[in-house]
């Protein structure tokens, strides 16, 4: 598999799976910090995937600053 195909697969994965998107974005913006997933990350990803699929029409999440 060449680099272009790998990038296309990653882009598709990020569109289809919020958890993959979250992890990738964290790596881009974290400045070298380590991503330490926790239950609330999974809960947010699950709820946002429901919103994206249309199963849930409204959702509200609040987080303190810098808590992802």
PDB file of N, CA and C in Angstrom:
ATOM      1  N   UNK A   1       0.854  -1.169   0.000  1.00  0.00           N
ATOM      2  CA  UNK A   1       0.000   0.000   0.000  1.00  0.00           C
ATOM      3  C   UNK A   1       0.906   1.240   0.000  1.00  0.00           C
ATOM      4  N   UNK A   2       0.640   2.158  -0.913  1.00  0.00           N
ATOM      5  CA  UNK A   2       1.480   3.356  -0.991  1.00  0.00           C
ATOM      6  C   UNK A   2       0.967   4.439  -0.039  1.00  0.00           C
ATOM      7  N   UNK A   3       1.724   5.521   0.072  1.00  0.00           N
ATOM      8  CA  UNK A   3       1.408   6.597   1.022  1.00  0.00           C
ATOM      9  C   UNK A   3       0.068   7.273   0.723  1.00  0.00           C
ATOM     10  N   UNK A   4      -0.232   7.446  -0.548  1.00  0.00           N
ATOM     11  CA  UNK A   4      -1.497   8.097  -0.904  1.00  0.00           C
ATOM     12  C   UNK A   4      -2.682   7.245  -0.445  1.00  0.00           C
ATOM     13  N   UNK A   5      -2.604   5.942  -0.642  1.00  0.00           N
ATOM     14  CA  UNK A   5      -3.673   5.049  -0.204  1.00  0.00           C
ATOM     15  C   UNK A   5      -3.812   5.054   1.314  1.00  0.00           C
ATOM     16  N   UNK A   6      -2.672   5.100   2.019  1.00  0.00           N
ATOM     17  CA  UNK A   6      -2.708   5.151   3.485  1.00  0.00           C
ATOM     18  C   UNK A   6      -3.384   6.429   3.969  1.00  0.00           C
ATOM     19  N   UNK A   7      -3.041   7.558   3.353  1.00  0.00           N
ATOM     20  CA  UNK A   7      -3.667   8.826   3.737  1.00  0.00           C
ATOM     21  C   UNK A   7      -5.163   8.814   3.463  1.00  0.00           C
ATOM     22  N   UNK A   8      -5.552   8.222   2.349  1.00  0.00           N
ATOM     23  CA  UNK A   8      -6.973   8.141   2.010  1.00  0.00           C
ATOM     24  C   UNK A   8      -7.724   7.254   3.003  1.00  0.00           C
ATOM     25  N   UNK A   9      -7.108   6.149   3.420  1.00  0.00           N
ATOM     26  CA  UNK A   9      -7.737   5.267   4.404  1.00  0.00           C
ATOM     27  C   UNK A   9      -7.868   5.960   5.755  1.00  0.00           C
ATOM     28  N   UNK A  10      -6.839   6.700   6.157  1.00  0.00           N
ATOM     29  CA  UNK A  10      -6.899   7.434   7.418  1.00  0.00           C
ATOM     30  C   UNK A  10      -7.986   8.496   7.367  1.00  0.00           C
ATOM     31  N   UNK A  11      -8.069   9.221   6.260  1.00  0.00           N
ATOM     32  CA  UNK A  11      -9.099  10.255   6.117  1.00  0.00           C
ATOM     33  C   UNK A  11     -10.494   9.637   6.189  1.00  0.00           C
ATOM     34  N   UNK A  12     -10.697   8.499   5.550  1.00  0.00           N
ATOM     35  CA  UNK A  12     -11.991   7.824   5.606  1.00  0.00           C
ATOM     36  C   UNK A  12     -12.295   7.350   7.026  1.00  0.00           C
ATOM     37  N   UNK A  13     -11.295   6.817   7.699  1.00  0.00           N
ATOM     38  CA  UNK A  13     -11.488   6.366   9.080  1.00  0.00           C
ATOM     39  C   UNK A  13     -11.867   7.522   9.987  1.00  0.00           C
ATOM     40  N   UNK A  14     -11.243   8.675   9.785  1.00  0.00           N
ATOM     41  CA  UNK A  14     -11.557   9.837  10.616  1.00  0.00           C
ATOM     42  C   UNK A  14     -12.967  10.342  10.344  1.00  0.00           C
ATOM     43  N   UNK A  15     -13.447  10.213   9.112  1.00  0.00           N
ATOM     44  CA  UNK A  15     -14.827  10.614   8.802  1.00  0.00           C
ATOM     45  C   UNK A  15     -15.840   9.655   9.414  1.00  0.00           C
ATOM     46  N   UNK A  16     -15.499   8.381   9.473  1.00  0.00           N
ATOM     47  CA  UNK A  16     -16.436   7.363   9.935  1.00  0.00           C
ATOM     48  C   UNK A  16     -16.404   7.114  11.442  1.00  0.00           C
ATOM     49  N   UNK A  17     -15.294   7.428  12.092  1.00  0.00           N
ATOM     50  CA  UNK A  17     -15.112   7.060  13.490  1.00  0.00           C
ATOM     51  C   UNK A  17     -14.578   8.257  14.266  1.00  0.00           C
ATOM     52  N   UNK A  18     -15.418   8.820  15.137  1.00  0.00           N
ATOM     53  CA  UNK A  18     -14.999  10.005  15.883  1.00  0.00           C
ATOM     54  C   UNK A  18     -13.814   9.717  16.791  1.00  0.00           C
ATOM     55  N   UNK A  19     -13.726   8.504  17.320  1.00  0.00           N
ATOM     56  CA  UNK A  19     -12.609   8.156  18.205  1.00  0.00           C
ATOM     57  C   UNK A  19     -11.280   8.276  17.461  1.00  0.00           C
ATOM     58  N   UNK A  20     -11.215   7.805  16.227  1.00  0.00           N
ATOM     59  CA  UNK A  20      -9.999   7.925  15.405  1.00  0.00           C
ATOM     60  C   UNK A  20      -9.707   9.402  15.150  1.00  0.00           C
ATOM     61  N   UNK A  21     -10.742  10.178  14.835  1.00  0.00           N
ATOM     62  CA  UNK A  21     -10.580  11.609  14.601  1.00  0.00           C
ATOM     63  C   UNK A  21     -10.037  12.316  15.847  1.00  0.00           C
ATOM     64  N   UNK A  22     -10.619  12.007  17.008  1.00  0.00           N
ATOM     65  CA  UNK A  22     -10.194  12.631  18.256  1.00  0.00           C
ATOM     66  C   UNK A  22      -8.720  12.359  18.543  1.00  0.00           C
ATOM     67  N   UNK A  23      -8.312  11.122  18.396  1.00  0.00           N
ATOM     68  CA  UNK A  23      -6.926  10.757  18.662  1.00  0.00           C
ATOM     69  C   UNK A  23      -5.980  11.459  17.693  1.00  0.00           C
ATOM     70  N   UNK A  24      -6.323  11.493  16.428  1.00  0.00           N
ATOM     71  CA  UNK A  24      -5.471  12.124  15.415  1.00  0.00           C
ATOM     72  C   UNK A  24      -5.348  13.634  15.651  1.00  0.00           C
ATOM     73  N   UNK A  25      -6.459  14.289  15.955  1.00  0.00           N
ATOM     74  CA  UNK A  25      -6.427  15.732  16.208  1.00  0.00           C
ATOM     75  C   UNK A  25      -5.597  16.030  17.440  1.00  0.00           C
ATOM     76  N   UNK A  26      -5.750  15.218  18.489  1.00  0.00           N
ATOM     77  CA  UNK A  26      -4.950  15.430  19.692  1.00  0.00           C
ATOM     78  C   UNK A  26      -3.461  15.383  19.361  1.00  0.00           C
ATOM     79  N   UNK A  27      -3.053  14.412  18.565  1.00  0.00           N
ATOM     80  CA  UNK A  27      -1.642  14.308  18.193  1.00  0.00           C
ATOM     81  C   UNK A  27      -1.164  15.543  17.435  1.00  0.00           C
ATOM     82  N   UNK A  28      -2.055  16.141  16.646  1.00  0.00           N
ATOM     83  CA  UNK A  28      -1.675  17.325  15.867  1.00  0.00           C
ATOM     84  C   UNK A  28      -1.543  18.579  16.719  1.00  0.00           C
ATOM     85  N   UNK A  29      -2.395  18.725  17.718  1.00  0.00           N
ATOM     86  CA  UNK A  29      -2.446  19.986  18.462  1.00  0.00           C
ATOM     87  C   UNK A  29      -1.844  19.912  19.864  1.00  0.00           C
ATOM     88  N   UNK A  30      -1.410  18.752  20.299  1.00  0.00           N
ATOM     89  CA  UNK A  30      -1.010  18.573  21.694  1.00  0.00           C
ATOM     90  C   UNK A  30       0.373  19.112  22.029  1.00  0.00           C
ATOM     91  N   UNK A  31       1.194  19.337  21.043  1.00  0.00           N
ATOM     92  CA  UNK A  31       2.542  19.811  21.340  1.00  0.00           C
ATOM     93  C   UNK A  31       3.405  18.752  21.997  1.00  0.00           C
ATOM     94  N   UNK A  32       3.181  17.489  21.672  1.00  0.00           N
ATOM     95  CA  UNK A  32       4.012  16.414  22.197  1.00  0.00           C
ATOM     96  C   UNK A  32       3.473  15.742  23.441  1.00  0.00           C
ATOM     97  N   UNK A  33       2.323  16.189  23.968  1.00  0.00           N
ATOM     98  CA  UNK A  33       1.726  15.525  25.125  1.00  0.00           C
ATOM     99  C   UNK A  33       1.247  14.129  24.740  1.00  0.00           C
ATOM    100  N   UNK A  34       1.121  13.271  25.739  1.00  0.00           N
ATOM    101  CA  UNK A  34       0.652  11.906  25.516  1.00  0.00           C
ATOM    102  C   UNK A  34      -0.860  11.875  25.669  1.00  0.00           C
ATOM    103  N   UNK A  35      -1.527  11.225  24.723  1.00  0.00           N
ATOM    104  CA  UNK A  35      -2.981  11.070  24.795  1.00  0.00           C
ATOM    105  C   UNK A  35      -3.285   9.943  25.774  1.00  0.00           C
ATOM    106  N   UNK A  36      -3.980  10.281  26.858  1.00  0.00           N
ATOM    107  CA  UNK A  36      -4.367   9.303  27.867  1.00  0.00           C
ATOM    108  C   UNK A  36      -5.896   9.192  27.859  1.00  0.00           C
ATOM    109  N   UNK A  37      -6.427   8.272  27.067  1.00  0.00           N
ATOM    110  CA  UNK A  37      -7.876   8.171  26.949  1.00  0.00           C
ATOM    111  C   UNK A  37      -8.525   7.793  28.275  1.00  0.00           C
ATOM    112  N   UNK A  38      -9.734   8.282  28.456  1.00  0.00           N
ATOM    113  CA  UNK A  38     -10.491   8.013  29.668  1.00  0.00           C
ATOM    114  C   UNK A  38     -11.932   7.729  29.266  1.00  0.00           C
ATOM    115  N   UNK A  39     -12.751   7.321  30.222  1.00  0.00           N
ATOM    116  CA  UNK A  39     -14.124   6.930  29.919  1.00  0.00           C
ATOM    117  C   UNK A  39     -14.923   8.064  29.278  1.00  0.00           C
ATOM    118  N   UNK A  40     -14.645   9.311  29.676  1.00  0.00           N
ATOM    119  CA  UNK A  40     -15.445  10.408  29.132  1.00  0.00           C
ATOM    120  C   UNK A  40     -15.137  10.659  27.659  1.00  0.00           C
ATOM    121  N   UNK A  41     -13.930  10.342  27.203  1.00  0.00           N
ATOM    122  CA  UNK A  41     -13.618  10.455  25.778  1.00  0.00           C
ATOM    123  C   UNK A  41     -14.464   9.458  24.980  1.00  0.00           C
ATOM    124  N   UNK A  42     -14.548   8.234  25.489  1.00  0.00           N
ATOM    125  CA  UNK A  42     -15.343   7.214  24.809  1.00  0.00           C
ATOM    126  C   UNK A  42     -16.823   7.576  24.820  1.00  0.00           C
ATOM    127  N   UNK A  43     -17.304   8.126  25.940  1.00  0.00           N
ATOM    128  CA  UNK A  43     -18.705   8.519  26.029  1.00  0.00           C
ATOM    129  C   UNK A  43     -19.018   9.637  25.042  1.00  0.00           C
ATOM    130  N   UNK A  44     -18.131  10.615  24.920  1.00  0.00           N
ATOM    131  CA  UNK A  44     -18.335  11.704  23.962  1.00  0.00           C
ATOM    132  C   UNK A  44     -18.318  11.179  22.538  1.00  0.00           C
ATOM    133  N   UNK A  45     -17.371  10.294  22.229  1.00  0.00           N
ATOM    134  CA  UNK A  45     -17.285   9.728  20.880  1.00  0.00           C
ATOM    135  C   UNK A  45     -18.553   8.945  20.542  1.00  0.00           C
ATOM    136  N   UNK A  46     -19.054   8.166  21.498  1.00  0.00           N
ATOM    137  CA  UNK A  46     -20.266   7.382  21.281  1.00  0.00           C
ATOM    138  C   UNK A  46     -21.465   8.293  21.019  1.00  0.00           C
ATOM    139  N   UNK A  47     -21.616   9.325  21.849  1.00  0.00           N
ATOM    140  CA  UNK A  47     -22.765  10.225  21.685  1.00  0.00           C
ATOM    141  C   UNK A  47     -22.664  10.995  20.372  1.00  0.00           C
ATOM    142  N   UNK A  48     -21.483  11.468  20.028  1.00  0.00           N
ATOM    143  CA  UNK A  48     -21.326  12.215  18.779  1.00  0.00           C
ATOM    144  C   UNK A  48     -21.533  11.324  17.558  1.00  0.00           C
ATOM    145  N   UNK A  49     -21.198  10.057  17.668  1.00  0.00           N
ATOM    146  CA  UNK A  49     -21.466   9.153  16.546  1.00  0.00           C
ATOM    147  C   UNK A  49     -22.966   8.942  16.386  1.00  0.00           C
ATOM    148  N   UNK A  50     -23.711   8.941  17.494  1.00  0.00           N
ATOM    149  CA  UNK A  50     -25.167   8.849  17.408  1.00  0.00           C
ATOM    150  C   UNK A  50     -25.755  10.090  16.744  1.00  0.00           C
ATOM    151  N   UNK A  51     -25.205  11.251  17.062  1.00  0.00           N
ATOM    152  CA  UNK A  51     -25.668  12.493  16.439  1.00  0.00           C
ATOM    153  C   UNK A  51     -25.371  12.458  14.938  1.00  0.00           C
ATOM    154  N   UNK A  52     -24.164  12.032  14.588  1.00  0.00           N
ATOM    155  CA  UNK A  52     -23.772  11.987  13.178  1.00  0.00           C
ATOM    156  C   UNK A  52     -24.637  11.020  12.375  1.00  0.00           C
ATOM    157  N   UNK A  53     -25.034   9.917  12.991  1.00  0.00           N
ATOM    158  CA  UNK A  53     -25.844   8.935  12.270  1.00  0.00           C
ATOM    159  C   UNK A  53     -27.322   9.324  12.212  1.00  0.00           C
ATOM    160  N   UNK A  54     -27.712  10.318  13.010  1.00  0.00           N
ATOM    161  CA  UNK A  54     -29.100  10.759  13.014  1.00  0.00           C
ATOM    162  C   UNK A  54     -29.957  10.075  14.061  1.00  0.00           C
ATOM    163  N   UNK A  55     -29.387   9.159  14.837  1.00  0.00           N
ATOM    164  CA  UNK A  55     -30.143   8.486  15.896  1.00  0.00           C
ATOM    165  C   UNK A  55     -30.524   9.453  17.013  1.00  0.00           C
ATOM    166  N   UNK A  56     -29.684  10.438  17.260  1.00  0.00           N
ATOM    167  CA  UNK A  56     -29.939  11.471  18.263  1.00  0.00           C
ATOM    168  C   UNK A  56     -29.960  12.812  17.535  1.00  0.00           C
ATOM    169  N   UNK A  57     -31.004  13.592  17.762  1.00  0.00           N
ATOM    170  CA  UNK A  57     -31.125  14.864  17.045  1.00  0.00           C
ATOM    171  C   UNK A  57     -30.519  16.028  17.808  1.00  0.00           C
ATOM    172  N   UNK A  58     -30.425  15.924  19.130  1.00  0.00           N
ATOM    173  CA  UNK A  58     -29.899  17.023  19.924  1.00  0.00           C
ATOM    174  C   UNK A  58     -29.024  16.469  21.039  1.00  0.00           C
ATOM    175  N   UNK A  59     -27.955  17.177  21.329  1.00  0.00           N
ATOM    176  CA  UNK A  59     -27.082  16.777  22.418  1.00  0.00           C
ATOM    177  C   UNK A  59     -26.312  18.002  22.885  1.00  0.00           C
ATOM    178  N   UNK A  60     -26.007  18.025  24.150  1.00  0.00           N
ATOM    179  CA  UNK A  60     -25.251  19.131  24.720  1.00  0.00           C
ATOM    180  C   UNK A  60     -24.169  18.563  25.619  1.00  0.00           C
ATOM    181  N   UNK A  61     -22.936  18.999  25.414  1.00  0.00           N
ATOM    182  CA  UNK A  61     -21.818  18.576  26.253  1.00  0.00           C
ATOM    183  C   UNK A  61     -21.105  19.817  26.753  1.00  0.00           C
ATOM    184  N   UNK A  62     -20.783  19.817  28.024  1.00  0.00           N
ATOM    185  CA  UNK A  62     -19.997  20.914  28.573  1.00  0.00           C
ATOM    186  C   UNK A  62     -18.774  20.332  29.262  1.00  0.00           C
ATOM    187  N   UNK A  63     -17.648  20.981  29.050  1.00  0.00           N
ATOM    188  CA  UNK A  63     -16.397  20.545  29.660  1.00  0.00           C
ATOM    189  C   UNK A  63     -15.631  21.774  30.134  1.00  0.00           C
ATOM    190  N   UNK A  64     -14.907  21.636  31.228  1.00  0.00           N
ATOM    191  CA  UNK A  64     -14.038  22.742  31.637  1.00  0.00           C
ATOM    192  C   UNK A  64     -12.941  22.965  30.588  1.00  0.00           C
ATOM    193  N   UNK A  65     -12.371  24.151  30.538  1.00  0.00           N
ATOM    194  CA  UNK A  65     -11.285  24.400  29.588  1.00  0.00           C
ATOM    195  C   UNK A  65     -10.141  23.407  29.762  1.00  0.00           C
ATOM    196  N   UNK A  66      -9.568  23.021  28.651  1.00  0.00           N
ATOM    197  CA  UNK A  66      -8.404  22.136  28.570  1.00  0.00           C
ATOM    198  C   UNK A  66      -8.662  20.728  29.094  1.00  0.00           C
ATOM    199  N   UNK A  67      -9.904  20.282  29.089  1.00  0.00           N
ATOM    200  CA  UNK A  67     -10.232  18.941  29.567  1.00  0.00           C
ATOM    201  C   UNK A  67     -10.619  17.993  28.445  1.00  0.00           C
ATOM    202  N   UNK A  68     -10.596  18.464  27.205  1.00  0.00           N
ATOM    203  CA  UNK A  68     -10.947  17.658  26.034  1.00  0.00           C
ATOM    204  C   UNK A  68     -12.168  16.828  26.316  1.00  0.00           C
TER     205      UNK A  68
END
